[in-house]
Amino acid sequence: MAAKHVGMIMKHDHERVVVLRVELTHDGADAVMVAPLVHTAPAGDARAVKVKTWVDDYWVRLDRTRVVKAADVVHAWTGPGQLRRPGLTAVMKELR
């Protein structure tokens, strides 16, 4: 299994996600906390943070954050690959 790091953009259930926390457990297996990464701004007052990447602007949907088995999260093999530090810092600040 490939190593997962905070800020990596990967896929879970065919959806692009950002890894927010690692070294968790879920049902006795290694797990990570992920949040969807989408192009469109969320409607209403949904918790989300806008982040800029070298590819485009995205929204990290904190209202849909979940803990999943690490083995179910795979590499996206598409850009942007990972969040830059300013975007990741903003997401982690809002997550607390």
PDB file of N, CA and C in Angstrom:
ATOM      1  N   MET A   1       0.850  -1.176   0.000  1.00  0.00           N
ATOM      2  CA  MET A   1       0.000   0.000   0.000  1.00  0.00           C
ATOM      3  C   MET A   1       0.895   1.238   0.000  1.00  0.00           C
ATOM      4  N   ALA A   2       0.540   2.207  -0.818  1.00  0.00           N
ATOM      5  CA  ALA A   2       1.310   3.440  -0.907  1.00  0.00           C
ATOM      6  C   ALA A   2       1.101   4.295   0.341  1.00  0.00           C
ATOM      7  N   ALA A   3       2.143   5.028   0.717  1.00  0.00           N
ATOM      8  CA  ALA A   3       2.055   5.901   1.891  1.00  0.00           C
ATOM      9  C   ALA A   3       1.117   7.066   1.598  1.00  0.00           C
ATOM     10  N   LYS A   4       0.382   7.457   2.627  1.00  0.00           N
ATOM     11  CA  LYS A   4      -0.520   8.597   2.513  1.00  0.00           C
ATOM     12  C   LYS A   4      -0.008   9.712   3.403  1.00  0.00           C
ATOM     13  N   HIS A   5      -0.065  10.936   2.905  1.00  0.00           N
ATOM     14  CA  HIS A   5       0.401  12.092   3.651  1.00  0.00           C
ATOM     15  C   HIS A   5      -0.694  13.144   3.665  1.00  0.00           C
ATOM     16  N   VAL A   6      -0.712  13.949   4.704  1.00  0.00           N
ATOM     17  CA  VAL A   6      -1.677  15.036   4.807  1.00  0.00           C
ATOM     18  C   VAL A   6      -1.468  15.990   3.635  1.00  0.00           C
ATOM     19  N   GLY A   7      -2.560  16.337   2.969  1.00  0.00           N
ATOM     20  CA  GLY A   7      -2.499  17.240   1.832  1.00  0.00           C
ATOM     21  C   GLY A   7      -2.501  16.554   0.483  1.00  0.00           C
ATOM     22  N   MET A   8      -2.307  15.244   0.442  1.00  0.00           N
ATOM     23  CA  MET A   8      -2.311  14.526  -0.829  1.00  0.00           C
ATOM     24  C   MET A   8      -3.712  14.516  -1.422  1.00  0.00           C
ATOM     25  N   ILE A   9      -3.793  14.654  -2.727  1.00  0.00           N
ATOM     26  CA  ILE A   9      -5.070  14.552  -3.430  1.00  0.00           C
ATOM     27  C   ILE A   9      -5.126  13.162  -4.047  1.00  0.00           C
ATOM     28  N   MET A  10      -6.133  12.405  -3.615  1.00  0.00           N
ATOM     29  CA  MET A  10      -6.264  11.010  -4.030  1.00  0.00           C
ATOM     30  C   MET A  10      -7.706  10.758  -4.450  1.00  0.00           C
ATOM     31  N   LYS A  11      -8.058   9.497  -4.659  1.00  0.00           N
ATOM     32  CA  LYS A  11      -9.438   9.145  -5.006  1.00  0.00           C
ATOM     33  C   LYS A  11      -9.977   8.113  -4.031  1.00  0.00           C
ATOM     34  N   HIS A  12     -11.258   8.291  -3.683  1.00  0.00           N
ATOM     35  CA  HIS A  12     -11.992   7.332  -2.860  1.00  0.00           C
ATOM     36  C   HIS A  12     -13.370   7.175  -3.490  1.00  0.00           C
ATOM     37  N   ASP A  13     -13.741   5.956  -3.825  1.00  0.00           N
ATOM     38  CA  ASP A  13     -15.025   5.698  -4.504  1.00  0.00           C
ATOM     39  C   ASP A  13     -15.193   6.585  -5.735  1.00  0.00           C
ATOM     40  N   HIS A  14     -14.157   6.678  -6.551  1.00  0.00           N
ATOM     41  CA  HIS A  14     -14.161   7.435  -7.802  1.00  0.00           C
ATOM     42  C   HIS A  14     -14.393   8.935  -7.599  1.00  0.00           C
ATOM     43  N   GLU A  15     -14.117   9.435  -6.416  1.00  0.00           N
ATOM     44  CA  GLU A  15     -14.277  10.851  -6.100  1.00  0.00           C
ATOM     45  C   GLU A  15     -12.930  11.409  -5.656  1.00  0.00           C
ATOM     46  N   ARG A  16     -12.567  12.572  -6.166  1.00  0.00           N
ATOM     47  CA  ARG A  16     -11.303  13.205  -5.784  1.00  0.00           C
ATOM     48  C   ARG A  16     -11.429  13.723  -4.355  1.00  0.00           C
ATOM     49  N   VAL A  17     -10.471  13.352  -3.499  1.00  0.00           N
ATOM     50  CA  VAL A  17     -10.496  13.746  -2.089  1.00  0.00           C
ATOM     51  C   VAL A  17      -9.126  14.254  -1.659  1.00  0.00           C
ATOM     52  N   VAL A  18      -9.114  14.988  -0.544  1.00  0.00           N
ATOM     53  CA  VAL A  18      -7.871  15.453   0.077  1.00  0.00           C
ATOM     54  C   VAL A  18      -7.700  14.691   1.381  1.00  0.00           C
ATOM     55  N   VAL A  19      -6.509  14.165   1.623  1.00  0.00           N
ATOM     56  CA  VAL A  19      -6.219  13.487   2.884  1.00  0.00           C
ATOM     57  C   VAL A  19      -5.963  14.557   3.941  1.00  0.00           C
ATOM     58  N   LEU A  20      -6.755  14.523   5.035  1.00  0.00           N
ATOM     59  CA  LEU A  20      -6.635  15.531   6.081  1.00  0.00           C
ATOM     60  C   LEU A  20      -5.944  15.019   7.338  1.00  0.00           C
ATOM     61  N   ARG A  21      -6.101  13.744   7.639  1.00  0.00           N
ATOM     62  CA  ARG A  21      -5.436  13.144   8.803  1.00  0.00           C
ATOM     63  C   ARG A  21      -5.044  11.720   8.455  1.00  0.00           C
ATOM     64  N   VAL A  22      -3.920  11.285   8.996  1.00  0.00           N
ATOM     65  CA  VAL A  22      -3.431   9.924   8.780  1.00  0.00           C
ATOM     66  C   VAL A  22      -3.222   9.246  10.131  1.00  0.00           C
ATOM     67  N   GLU A  23      -2.846   7.993  10.090  1.00  0.00           N
ATOM     68  CA  GLU A  23      -2.554   7.191  11.284  1.00  0.00           C
ATOM     69  C   GLU A  23      -3.774   7.053  12.194  1.00  0.00           C
ATOM     70  N   LEU A  24      -4.947   6.902  11.609  1.00  0.00           N
ATOM     71  CA  LEU A  24      -6.168   6.620  12.347  1.00  0.00           C
ATOM     72  C   LEU A  24      -6.496   5.144  12.198  1.00  0.00           C
ATOM     73  N   THR A  25      -7.466   4.650  12.947  1.00  0.00           N
ATOM     74  CA  THR A  25      -7.933   3.274  12.767  1.00  0.00           C
ATOM     75  C   THR A  25      -9.446   3.285  12.589  1.00  0.00           C
ATOM     76  N   HIS A  26      -9.922   2.323  11.803  1.00  0.00           N
ATOM     77  CA  HIS A  26     -11.351   2.179  11.534  1.00  0.00           C
ATOM     78  C   HIS A  26     -11.639   0.692  11.367  1.00  0.00           C
ATOM     79  N   ASP A  27     -12.439   0.124  12.260  1.00  0.00           N
ATOM     80  CA  ASP A  27     -12.740  -1.313  12.245  1.00  0.00           C
ATOM     81  C   ASP A  27     -11.465  -2.149  12.290  1.00  0.00           C
ATOM     82  N   GLY A  28     -10.481  -1.705  13.059  1.00  0.00           N
ATOM     83  CA  GLY A  28      -9.240  -2.450  13.225  1.00  0.00           C
ATOM     84  C   GLY A  28      -8.242  -2.300  12.091  1.00  0.00           C
ATOM     85  N   ALA A  29      -8.545  -1.478  11.101  1.00  0.00           N
ATOM     86  CA  ALA A  29      -7.641  -1.289   9.961  1.00  0.00           C
ATOM     87  C   ALA A  29      -7.111   0.146   9.955  1.00  0.00           C
ATOM     88  N   ASP A  30      -5.980   0.337   9.270  1.00  0.00           N
ATOM     89  CA  ASP A  30      -5.445   1.689   9.106  1.00  0.00           C
ATOM     90  C   ASP A  30      -6.471   2.536   8.369  1.00  0.00           C
ATOM     91  N   ALA A  31      -6.594   3.800   8.789  1.00  0.00           N
ATOM     92  CA  ALA A  31      -7.587   4.681   8.175  1.00  0.00           C
ATOM     93  C   ALA A  31      -7.030   6.082   8.019  1.00  0.00           C
ATOM     94  N   VAL A  32      -7.699   6.855   7.181  1.00  0.00           N
ATOM     95  CA  VAL A  32      -7.362   8.261   6.964  1.00  0.00           C
ATOM     96  C   VAL A  32      -8.650   9.070   6.961  1.00  0.00           C
ATOM     97  N   MET A  33      -8.538  10.356   7.289  1.00  0.00           N
ATOM     98  CA  MET A  33      -9.679  11.258   7.186  1.00  0.00           C
ATOM     99  C   MET A  33      -9.564  11.986   5.857  1.00  0.00           C
ATOM    100  N   VAL A  34     -10.642  12.000   5.082  1.00  0.00           N
ATOM    101  CA  VAL A  34     -10.642  12.635   3.773  1.00  0.00           C
ATOM    102  C   VAL A  34     -11.814  13.593   3.653  1.00  0.00           C
ATOM    103  N   ALA A  35     -11.690  14.536   2.723  1.00  0.00           N
ATOM    104  CA  ALA A  35     -12.765  15.465   2.387  1.00  0.00           C
ATOM    105  C   ALA A  35     -12.774  15.618   0.865  1.00  0.00           C
ATOM    106  N   PRO A  36     -13.958  15.694   0.259  1.00  0.00           N
ATOM    107  CA  PRO A  36     -14.046  15.854  -1.196  1.00  0.00           C
ATOM    108  C   PRO A  36     -13.413  17.155  -1.676  1.00  0.00           C
ATOM    109  N   LEU A  37     -12.835  17.107  -2.856  1.00  0.00           N
ATOM    110  CA  LEU A  37     -12.239  18.263  -3.524  1.00  0.00           C
ATOM    111  C   LEU A  37     -13.053  18.490  -4.799  1.00  0.00           C
ATOM    112  N   VAL A  38     -13.765  19.612  -4.873  1.00  0.00           N
ATOM    113  CA  VAL A  38     -14.681  19.852  -5.996  1.00  0.00           C
ATOM    114  C   VAL A  38     -14.395  21.196  -6.654  1.00  0.00           C
ATOM    115  N   HIS A  39     -14.858  21.334  -7.902  1.00  0.00           N
ATOM    116  CA  HIS A  39     -14.677  22.586  -8.653  1.00  0.00           C
ATOM    117  C   HIS A  39     -15.724  23.627  -8.311  1.00  0.00           C
ATOM    118  N   THR A  40     -16.912  23.207  -7.953  1.00  0.00           N
ATOM    119  CA  THR A  40     -18.009  24.149  -7.747  1.00  0.00           C
ATOM    120  C   THR A  40     -18.123  24.580  -6.290  1.00  0.00           C
ATOM    121  N   ALA A  41     -18.485  25.822  -6.095  1.00  0.00           N
ATOM    122  CA  ALA A  41     -18.672  26.351  -4.747  1.00  0.00           C
ATOM    123  C   ALA A  41     -19.911  25.692  -4.135  1.00  0.00           C
ATOM    124  N   PRO A  42     -19.851  25.363  -2.846  1.00  0.00           N
ATOM    125  CA  PRO A  42     -21.008  24.733  -2.212  1.00  0.00           C
ATOM    126  C   PRO A  42     -22.164  25.721  -2.073  1.00  0.00           C
ATOM    127  N   ALA A  43     -23.353  25.174  -2.105  1.00  0.00           N
ATOM    128  CA  ALA A  43     -24.555  26.008  -1.972  1.00  0.00           C
ATOM    129  C   ALA A  43     -24.829  26.313  -0.507  1.00  0.00           C
ATOM    130  N   GLY A  44     -25.392  27.455  -0.262  1.00  0.00           N
ATOM    131  CA  GLY A  44     -25.801  27.800   1.104  1.00  0.00           C
ATOM    132  C   GLY A  44     -24.639  28.012   2.040  1.00  0.00           C
ATOM    133  N   ASP A  45     -24.811  27.533   3.268  1.00  0.00           N
ATOM    134  CA  ASP A  45     -23.804  27.753   4.304  1.00  0.00           C
ATOM    135  C   ASP A  45     -22.989  26.494   4.603  1.00  0.00           C
ATOM    136  N   ALA A  46     -22.789  25.635   3.612  1.00  0.00           N
ATOM    137  CA  ALA A  46     -21.996  24.422   3.791  1.00  0.00           C
ATOM    138  C   ALA A  46     -20.556  24.787   4.131  1.00  0.00           C
ATOM    139  N   ARG A  47     -19.956  24.020   5.045  1.00  0.00           N
ATOM    140  CA  ARG A  47     -18.556  24.275   5.429  1.00  0.00           C
ATOM    141  C   ARG A  47     -17.631  23.852   4.304  1.00  0.00           C
ATOM    142  N   ALA A  48     -16.877  24.810   3.794  1.00  0.00           N
ATOM    143  CA  ALA A  48     -15.924  24.530   2.727  1.00  0.00           C
ATOM    144  C   ALA A  48     -14.856  25.609   2.721  1.00  0.00           C
ATOM    145  N   VAL A  49     -13.687  25.255   2.183  1.00  0.00           N
ATOM    146  CA  VAL A  49     -12.576  26.201   2.076  1.00  0.00           C
ATOM    147  C   VAL A  49     -12.122  26.227   0.626  1.00  0.00           C
ATOM    148  N   LYS A  50     -11.986  27.434   0.088  1.00  0.00           N
ATOM    149  CA  LYS A  50     -11.495  27.585  -1.281  1.00  0.00           C
ATOM    150  C   LYS A  50      -9.971  27.522  -1.257  1.00  0.00           C
ATOM    151  N   VAL A  51      -9.399  26.692  -2.140  1.00  0.00           N
ATOM    152  CA  VAL A  51      -7.945  26.566  -2.219  1.00  0.00           C
ATOM    153  C   VAL A  51      -7.505  26.766  -3.663  1.00  0.00           C
ATOM    154  N   LYS A  52      -6.345  27.376  -3.823  1.00  0.00           N
ATOM    155  CA  LYS A  52      -5.766  27.575  -5.151  1.00  0.00           C
ATOM    156  C   LYS A  52      -4.680  26.524  -5.357  1.00  0.00           C
ATOM    157  N   THR A  53      -4.678  25.913  -6.525  1.00  0.00           N
ATOM    158  CA  THR A  53      -3.643  24.953  -6.882  1.00  0.00           C
ATOM    159  C   THR A  53      -3.011  25.408  -8.189  1.00  0.00           C
ATOM    160  N   TRP A  54      -1.978  24.729  -8.632  1.00  0.00           N
ATOM    161  CA  TRP A  54      -1.341  25.096  -9.886  1.00  0.00           C
ATOM    162  C   TRP A  54      -2.228  24.751 -11.077  1.00  0.00           C
ATOM    163  N   VAL A  55      -3.254  23.916 -10.851  1.00  0.00           N
ATOM    164  CA  VAL A  55      -4.161  23.540 -11.936  1.00  0.00           C
ATOM    165  C   VAL A  55      -5.349  24.487 -12.018  1.00  0.00           C
ATOM    166  N   ASP A  56      -6.011  24.734 -10.882  1.00  0.00           N
ATOM    167  CA  ASP A  56      -7.243  25.507 -10.861  1.00  0.00           C
ATOM    168  C   ASP A  56      -7.615  25.820  -9.412  1.00  0.00           C
ATOM    169  N   ASP A  57      -8.710  26.538  -9.223  1.00  0.00           N
ATOM    170  CA  ASP A  57      -9.248  26.763  -7.888  1.00  0.00           C
ATOM    171  C   ASP A  57     -10.231  25.645  -7.563  1.00  0.00           C
ATOM    172  N   TYR A  58     -10.178  25.156  -6.325  1.00  0.00           N
ATOM    173  CA  TYR A  58     -11.054  24.079  -5.873  1.00  0.00           C
ATOM    174  C   TYR A  58     -11.673  24.445  -4.535  1.00  0.00           C
ATOM    175  N   TRP A  59     -12.667  23.681  -4.119  1.00  0.00           N
ATOM    176  CA  TRP A  59     -13.279  23.794  -2.807  1.00  0.00           C
ATOM    177  C   TRP A  59     -13.080  22.478  -2.075  1.00  0.00           C
ATOM    178  N   VAL A  60     -12.610  22.535  -0.834  1.00  0.00           N
ATOM    179  CA  VAL A  60     -12.509  21.364   0.029  1.00  0.00           C
ATOM    180  C   VAL A  60     -13.770  21.365   0.877  1.00  0.00           C
ATOM    181  N   ARG A  61     -14.615  20.344   0.720  1.00  0.00           N
ATOM    182  CA  ARG A  61     -15.916  20.275   1.390  1.00  0.00           C
ATOM    183  C   ARG A  61     -15.756  19.676   2.785  1.00  0.00           C
ATOM    184  N   LEU A  62     -15.630  20.517   3.799  1.00  0.00           N
ATOM    185  CA  LEU A  62     -15.453  20.046   5.173  1.00  0.00           C
ATOM    186  C   LEU A  62     -16.744  19.490   5.769  1.00  0.00           C
ATOM    187  N   ASP A  63     -17.883  19.831   5.183  1.00  0.00           N
ATOM    188  CA  ASP A  63     -19.147  19.283   5.661  1.00  0.00           C
ATOM    189  C   ASP A  63     -19.319  17.811   5.271  1.00  0.00           C
ATOM    190  N   ARG A  64     -18.490  17.317   4.379  1.00  0.00           N
ATOM    191  CA  ARG A  64     -18.559  15.913   3.943  1.00  0.00           C
ATOM    192  C   ARG A  64     -17.295  15.136   4.317  1.00  0.00           C
ATOM    193  N   THR A  65     -16.615  15.581   5.361  1.00  0.00           N
ATOM    194  CA  THR A  65     -15.413  14.899   5.841  1.00  0.00           C
ATOM    195  C   THR A  65     -15.784  13.546   6.432  1.00  0.00           C
ATOM    196  N   ARG A  66     -14.954  12.528   6.169  1.00  0.00           N
ATOM    197  CA  ARG A  66     -15.227  11.197   6.707  1.00  0.00           C
ATOM    198  C   ARG A  66     -13.927  10.424   6.908  1.00  0.00           C
ATOM    199  N   VAL A  67     -13.997   9.403   7.770  1.00  0.00           N
ATOM    200  CA  VAL A  67     -12.860   8.515   8.012  1.00  0.00           C
ATOM    201  C   VAL A  67     -13.103   7.234   7.223  1.00  0.00           C
ATOM    202  N   VAL A  68     -12.129   6.851   6.398  1.00  0.00           N
ATOM    203  CA  VAL A  68     -12.250   5.666   5.555  1.00  0.00           C
ATOM    204  C   VAL A  68     -11.002   4.806   5.695  1.00  0.00           C
ATOM    205  N   LYS A  69     -11.104   3.554   5.311  1.00  0.00           N
ATOM    206  CA  LYS A  69      -9.949   2.662   5.351  1.00  0.00           C
ATOM    207  C   LYS A  69      -8.895   3.162   4.372  1.00  0.00           C
ATOM    208  N   ALA A  70      -7.658   3.174   4.813  1.00  0.00           N
ATOM    209  CA  ALA A  70      -6.561   3.687   3.982  1.00  0.00           C
ATOM    210  C   ALA A  70      -6.407   2.879   2.694  1.00  0.00           C
ATOM    211  N   ALA A  71      -6.708   1.591   2.756  1.00  0.00           N
ATOM    212  CA  ALA A  71      -6.576   0.743   1.573  1.00  0.00           C
ATOM    213  C   ALA A  71      -7.581   1.114   0.475  1.00  0.00           C
ATOM    214  N   ASP A  72      -8.662   1.792   0.840  1.00  0.00           N
ATOM    215  CA  ASP A  72      -9.682   2.188  -0.133  1.00  0.00           C
ATOM    216  C   ASP A  72      -9.367   3.512  -0.817  1.00  0.00           C
ATOM    217  N   VAL A  73      -8.315   4.187  -0.392  1.00  0.00           N
ATOM    218  CA  VAL A  73      -7.923   5.470  -0.976  1.00  0.00           C
ATOM    219  C   VAL A  73      -6.740   5.217  -1.908  1.00  0.00           C
ATOM    220  N   VAL A  74      -6.900   5.592  -3.176  1.00  0.00           N
ATOM    221  CA  VAL A  74      -5.879   5.305  -4.185  1.00  0.00           C
ATOM    222  C   VAL A  74      -5.383   6.593  -4.823  1.00  0.00           C
ATOM    223  N   HIS A  75      -4.242   6.505  -5.507  1.00  0.00           N
ATOM    224  CA  HIS A  75      -3.685   7.675  -6.189  1.00  0.00           C
ATOM    225  C   HIS A  75      -4.603   8.122  -7.313  1.00  0.00           C
ATOM    226  N   ALA A  76      -4.755   9.427  -7.466  1.00  0.00           N
ATOM    227  CA  ALA A  76      -5.621   9.991  -8.504  1.00  0.00           C
ATOM    228  C   ALA A  76      -4.931   9.994  -9.861  1.00  0.00           C
ATOM    229  N   TRP A  77      -3.609  10.100  -9.890  1.00  0.00           N
ATOM    230  CA  TRP A  77      -2.815  10.151 -11.122  1.00  0.00           C
ATOM    231  C   TRP A  77      -3.235  11.306 -12.015  1.00  0.00           C
ATOM    232  N   THR A  78      -3.758  12.353 -11.425  1.00  0.00           N
ATOM    233  CA  THR A  78      -4.085  13.568 -12.161  1.00  0.00           C
ATOM    234  C   THR A  78      -3.635  14.758 -11.327  1.00  0.00           C
ATOM    235  N   GLY A  79      -3.525  15.916 -11.930  1.00  0.00           N
ATOM    236  CA  GLY A  79      -3.156  17.106 -11.173  1.00  0.00           C
ATOM    237  C   GLY A  79      -4.254  17.490 -10.218  1.00  0.00           C
ATOM    238  N   PRO A  80      -3.971  18.244  -9.228  1.00  0.00           N
ATOM    239  CA  PRO A  80      -2.730  18.893  -8.846  1.00  0.00           C
ATOM    240  C   PRO A  80      -1.813  18.050  -7.965  1.00  0.00           C
ATOM    241  N   GLY A  81      -2.202  16.870  -7.524  1.00  0.00           N
ATOM    242  CA  GLY A  81      -1.298  16.013  -6.754  1.00  0.00           C
ATOM    243  C   GLY A  81      -1.344  16.245  -5.261  1.00  0.00           C
ATOM    244  N   GLN A  82      -1.206  17.478  -4.830  1.00  0.00           N
ATOM    245  CA  GLN A  82      -1.297  17.789  -3.401  1.00  0.00           C
ATOM    246  C   GLN A  82      -1.601  19.274  -3.227  1.00  0.00           C
ATOM    247  N   LEU A  83      -2.114  19.611  -2.041  1.00  0.00           N
ATOM    248  CA  LEU A  83      -2.383  21.015  -1.743  1.00  0.00           C
ATOM    249  C   LEU A  83      -1.093  21.703  -1.330  1.00  0.00           C
ATOM    250  N   ARG A  84      -0.938  22.940  -1.744  1.00  0.00           N
ATOM    251  CA  ARG A  84       0.202  23.733  -1.287  1.00  0.00           C
ATOM    252  C   ARG A  84      -0.024  24.158   0.150  1.00  0.00           C
ATOM    253  N   ARG A  85       1.036  24.534   0.824  1.00  0.00           N
ATOM    254  CA  ARG A  85       0.969  24.857   2.250  1.00  0.00           C
ATOM    255  C   ARG A  85      -0.071  25.918   2.619  1.00  0.00           C
ATOM    256  N   PRO A  86      -0.199  27.052   1.900  1.00  0.00           N
ATOM    257  CA  PRO A  86      -1.209  28.038   2.310  1.00  0.00           C
ATOM    258  C   PRO A  86      -2.639  27.477   2.283  1.00  0.00           C
ATOM    259  N   GLY A  87      -2.966  26.727   1.243  1.00  0.00           N
ATOM    260  CA  GLY A  87      -4.294  26.117   1.157  1.00  0.00           C
ATOM    261  C   GLY A  87      -4.520  25.072   2.217  1.00  0.00           C
ATOM    262  N   LEU A  88      -3.514  24.246   2.460  1.00  0.00           N
ATOM    263  CA  LEU A  88      -3.627  23.197   3.473  1.00  0.00           C
ATOM    264  C   LEU A  88      -3.754  23.810   4.865  1.00  0.00           C
ATOM    265  N   THR A  89      -3.015  24.871   5.133  1.00  0.00           N
ATOM    266  CA  THR A  89      -3.103  25.550   6.421  1.00  0.00           C
ATOM    267  C   THR A  89      -4.513  26.103   6.654  1.00  0.00           C
ATOM    268  N   ALA A  90      -5.101  26.708   5.616  1.00  0.00           N
ATOM    269  CA  ALA A  90      -6.457  27.238   5.735  1.00  0.00           C
ATOM    270  C   ALA A  90      -7.472  26.135   5.998  1.00  0.00           C
ATOM    271  N   VAL A  91      -7.314  24.998   5.338  1.00  0.00           N
ATOM    272  CA  VAL A  91      -8.226  23.863   5.534  1.00  0.00           C
ATOM    273  C   VAL A  91      -8.101  23.322   6.948  1.00  0.00           C
ATOM    274  N   MET A  92      -6.876  23.122   7.419  1.00  0.00           N
ATOM    275  CA  MET A  92      -6.671  22.545   8.750  1.00  0.00           C
ATOM    276  C   MET A  92      -7.174  23.502   9.844  1.00  0.00           C
ATOM    277  N   LYS A  93      -7.026  24.805   9.633  1.00  0.00           N
ATOM    278  CA  LYS A  93      -7.520  25.781  10.601  1.00  0.00           C
ATOM    279  C   LYS A  93      -9.039  25.713  10.705  1.00  0.00           C
ATOM    280  N   GLU A  94      -9.709  25.596   9.577  1.00  0.00           N
ATOM    281  CA  GLU A  94     -11.169  25.522   9.552  1.00  0.00           C
ATOM    282  C   GLU A  94     -11.681  24.174  10.079  1.00  0.00           C
ATOM    283  N   LEU A  95     -10.886  23.143   9.921  1.00  0.00           N
ATOM    284  CA  LEU A  95     -11.296  21.801  10.347  1.00  0.00           C
ATOM    285  C   LEU A  95     -11.391  21.694  11.867  1.00  0.00           C
ATOM    286  N   ARG A  96     -10.555  22.428  12.586  1.00  0.00           N
ATOM    287  CA  ARG A  96     -10.526  22.343  14.052  1.00  0.00           C
ATOM    288  C   ARG A  96     -11.772  22.811  14.680  1.00  0.00           C
TER     289      ARG A  96
END
